[in-house]
N, C-alpha and C. Protein backbone atom coordinates (compact mmCIF):
# COMPACT_ATOMS: atom_id res chain seq x y z
N MET A 1 34.08 37.09 50.80
CA MET A 1 33.00 38.05 49.94
C MET A 1 34.03 38.98 49.13
N ILE A 2 33.88 38.67 47.78
CA ILE A 2 34.53 39.82 46.93
C ILE A 2 34.42 41.33 47.30
N GLU A 3 35.36 41.99 47.26
CA GLU A 3 35.16 43.65 47.54
C GLU A 3 35.05 44.25 46.21
N LEU A 4 34.18 44.67 45.82
CA LEU A 4 33.70 45.46 44.87
C LEU A 4 34.35 47.00 44.75
N LEU A 5 34.57 47.59 43.93
CA LEU A 5 34.96 49.10 44.06
C LEU A 5 34.07 49.81 43.32
N CYS A 6 33.49 50.84 44.03
CA CYS A 6 32.52 52.05 43.37
C CYS A 6 33.25 52.73 42.06
N THR A 7 32.68 53.53 41.33
CA THR A 7 33.12 54.01 40.16
C THR A 7 34.47 55.20 40.47
N GLU A 8 34.17 55.79 41.50
CA GLU A 8 34.99 56.76 42.22
C GLU A 8 36.40 55.86 42.56
N ASP A 9 36.54 54.89 43.33
CA ASP A 9 37.49 54.16 43.52
C ASP A 9 38.08 53.26 42.51
N ALA A 10 37.51 53.04 41.50
CA ALA A 10 38.06 52.14 40.39
C ALA A 10 38.82 53.36 39.46
N ALA A 11 38.23 54.26 39.28
CA ALA A 11 38.81 55.41 38.73
C ALA A 11 40.11 55.91 39.49
N ARG A 12 39.93 56.06 40.52
CA ARG A 12 41.32 56.35 41.25
C ARG A 12 42.36 55.41 41.07
N VAL A 13 42.17 53.97 41.54
CA VAL A 13 42.74 52.83 40.57
C VAL A 13 43.77 53.20 39.63
N LEU A 14 42.56 53.45 38.73
CA LEU A 14 43.19 53.48 37.18
C LEU A 14 43.93 54.49 36.81
N GLY A 15 43.51 55.80 37.64
CA GLY A 15 44.11 56.73 37.31
C GLY A 15 43.34 57.62 36.52
N LEU A 16 42.33 57.29 36.28
CA LEU A 16 41.17 57.95 35.33
C LEU A 16 40.12 58.94 36.28
N ALA A 17 39.32 59.56 35.24
CA ALA A 17 38.42 60.39 36.04
C ALA A 17 37.16 59.36 36.14
N PRO A 18 36.26 59.53 37.11
CA PRO A 18 34.85 58.83 37.24
C PRO A 18 34.08 58.96 35.89
N GLN A 19 34.04 60.35 35.14
CA GLN A 19 33.44 60.45 33.97
C GLN A 19 33.86 59.46 32.85
N THR A 20 35.28 59.11 32.79
CA THR A 20 35.71 58.37 31.77
C THR A 20 35.43 57.27 31.96
N LEU A 21 35.18 56.49 32.84
CA LEU A 21 34.43 55.15 33.08
C LEU A 21 33.13 55.42 32.76
N ALA A 22 32.37 56.44 32.96
CA ALA A 22 31.30 56.49 32.68
C ALA A 22 31.02 55.92 31.13
N ILE A 23 31.66 56.93 30.57
CA ILE A 23 31.87 57.07 29.20
C ILE A 23 32.01 55.76 28.30
N LEU A 24 33.09 54.88 29.18
CA LEU A 24 33.49 53.66 28.79
C LEU A 24 32.29 52.55 28.55
N ARG A 25 31.29 52.87 29.84
CA ARG A 25 30.55 52.05 30.11
C ARG A 25 29.48 52.31 28.68
N VAL A 26 28.86 53.31 28.27
CA VAL A 26 27.95 53.48 27.10
C VAL A 26 28.91 53.26 25.78
N GLU A 27 30.06 53.65 25.61
CA GLU A 27 30.69 52.87 24.36
C GLU A 27 31.09 51.89 24.39
N GLY A 28 31.45 51.38 25.35
CA GLY A 28 32.09 50.02 25.26
C GLY A 28 33.58 50.42 25.12
N GLY A 29 34.58 49.21 25.63
CA GLY A 29 35.98 49.17 25.52
C GLY A 29 36.18 49.41 26.79
N GLY A 30 35.65 49.23 27.95
CA GLY A 30 36.19 50.12 29.35
C GLY A 30 36.11 48.15 30.19
N PRO A 31 36.60 48.48 31.41
CA PRO A 31 36.79 47.27 32.34
C PRO A 31 35.27 46.87 32.25
N LYS A 32 35.08 45.37 32.51
CA LYS A 32 34.01 44.76 32.83
C LYS A 32 33.35 45.48 34.07
N TYR A 33 32.11 45.27 34.51
CA TYR A 33 31.28 45.83 35.63
C TYR A 33 30.15 45.20 36.14
N VAL A 34 29.70 45.50 37.51
CA VAL A 34 28.59 44.60 37.73
C VAL A 34 27.50 45.96 38.14
N LYS A 35 26.39 45.37 37.65
CA LYS A 35 25.19 46.20 37.84
C LYS A 35 24.59 45.93 38.87
N LEU A 36 24.46 46.53 40.39
CA LEU A 36 23.76 45.96 41.04
C LEU A 36 22.59 46.72 41.90
N GLY A 37 21.29 47.00 41.27
CA GLY A 37 20.18 47.89 41.22
C GLY A 37 20.89 48.92 40.54
N ARG A 38 20.90 50.08 41.01
CA ARG A 38 21.34 51.28 40.53
C ARG A 38 22.84 51.33 40.59
N SER A 39 23.41 50.72 41.75
CA SER A 39 24.94 50.92 41.65
C SER A 39 25.63 50.09 40.77
N VAL A 40 26.73 50.83 40.50
CA VAL A 40 27.82 50.26 39.49
C VAL A 40 28.91 49.94 40.05
N ARG A 41 29.46 48.85 40.10
CA ARG A 41 30.49 48.44 41.05
C ARG A 41 31.80 47.26 39.88
N TYR A 42 33.20 47.49 40.28
CA TYR A 42 34.19 46.78 39.62
C TYR A 42 34.67 45.78 40.47
N ASP A 43 35.15 44.71 40.04
CA ASP A 43 35.84 43.89 40.49
C ASP A 43 37.30 44.16 40.36
N PRO A 44 38.21 44.35 41.36
CA PRO A 44 39.52 44.84 41.15
C PRO A 44 40.38 43.50 40.00
N ALA A 45 39.78 42.55 40.15
CA ALA A 45 40.38 41.51 39.16
C ALA A 45 40.34 42.09 37.62
N ASP A 46 39.05 42.37 37.65
CA ASP A 46 38.49 42.72 36.14
C ASP A 46 39.36 44.10 35.61
N LEU A 47 39.57 44.84 36.74
CA LEU A 47 40.21 46.40 36.20
C LEU A 47 41.68 45.74 35.84
N SER A 48 42.47 44.67 36.49
CA SER A 48 43.66 44.35 36.60
C SER A 48 43.72 43.62 35.01
N ALA A 49 42.57 42.72 34.81
CA ALA A 49 42.71 42.27 33.30
C ALA A 49 42.56 43.11 32.26
N TRP A 50 41.94 44.30 32.47
CA TRP A 50 41.57 45.22 31.34
C TRP A 50 43.24 46.02 31.39
N VAL A 51 43.71 46.48 32.51
CA VAL A 51 44.93 47.06 32.27
C VAL A 51 45.99 46.04 31.46
N GLU A 52 45.97 44.59 31.60
CA GLU A 52 46.61 44.00 31.00
C GLU A 52 46.23 43.74 29.44
N ALA A 53 45.25 43.71 29.29
CA ALA A 53 44.57 43.84 27.63
C ALA A 53 45.06 44.68 26.92
N ASN A 54 45.03 46.04 27.67
CA ASN A 54 45.56 47.26 26.55
C ASN A 54 47.01 47.58 27.01
N LYS A 55 47.84 46.70 27.22
CA LYS A 55 49.35 47.15 27.49
C LYS A 55 49.64 47.13 25.70
N ARG A 56 50.47 47.60 25.51
CA ARG A 56 51.29 48.20 24.08
C ARG A 56 52.82 47.91 24.32
N ALA A 57 53.35 47.53 23.36
CA ALA A 57 54.89 47.78 23.30
C ALA A 57 55.25 49.11 22.39
N SER A 58 54.40 49.54 21.21
CA SER A 58 54.69 50.69 20.54
C SER A 58 53.11 51.05 20.25
N THR A 59 53.39 52.43 19.56
CA THR A 59 52.24 53.31 19.31
C THR A 59 51.68 52.63 17.93
N SER A 60 52.35 52.02 17.35
CA SER A 60 51.84 51.39 15.75
C SER A 60 50.95 50.07 16.40
N GLU A 61 51.59 49.43 17.36
CA GLU A 61 50.52 48.21 17.97
C GLU A 61 49.05 48.66 18.33
N ALA A 62 48.76 49.93 19.05
CA ALA A 62 47.45 50.27 18.81
C ALA A 62 46.63 50.37 17.97
N SER A 63 47.26 51.05 16.83
CA SER A 63 46.47 51.03 15.34
C SER A 63 46.01 49.99 14.95
N ALA A 64 46.86 49.12 15.05
CA ALA A 64 46.86 47.56 14.20
C ALA A 64 45.53 46.77 14.61
N ARG A 65 44.93 47.06 16.03
CA ARG A 65 44.10 46.37 16.84
C ARG A 65 42.80 46.84 16.43
């Protein structure tokens, strides 16, 4: 069974505030999440993939995307 993380635990892993993940869910651009009833859960593999996709080599690289 896949162990999914709640928003608070996912935020702790990423070093973000839980509210930041909530905003990213609304605005887009955040890690993939799973909605189970009223609960939001994150797969640790999706958190890792999101971090990898957001790696940058320089500040100019971020604005080019």
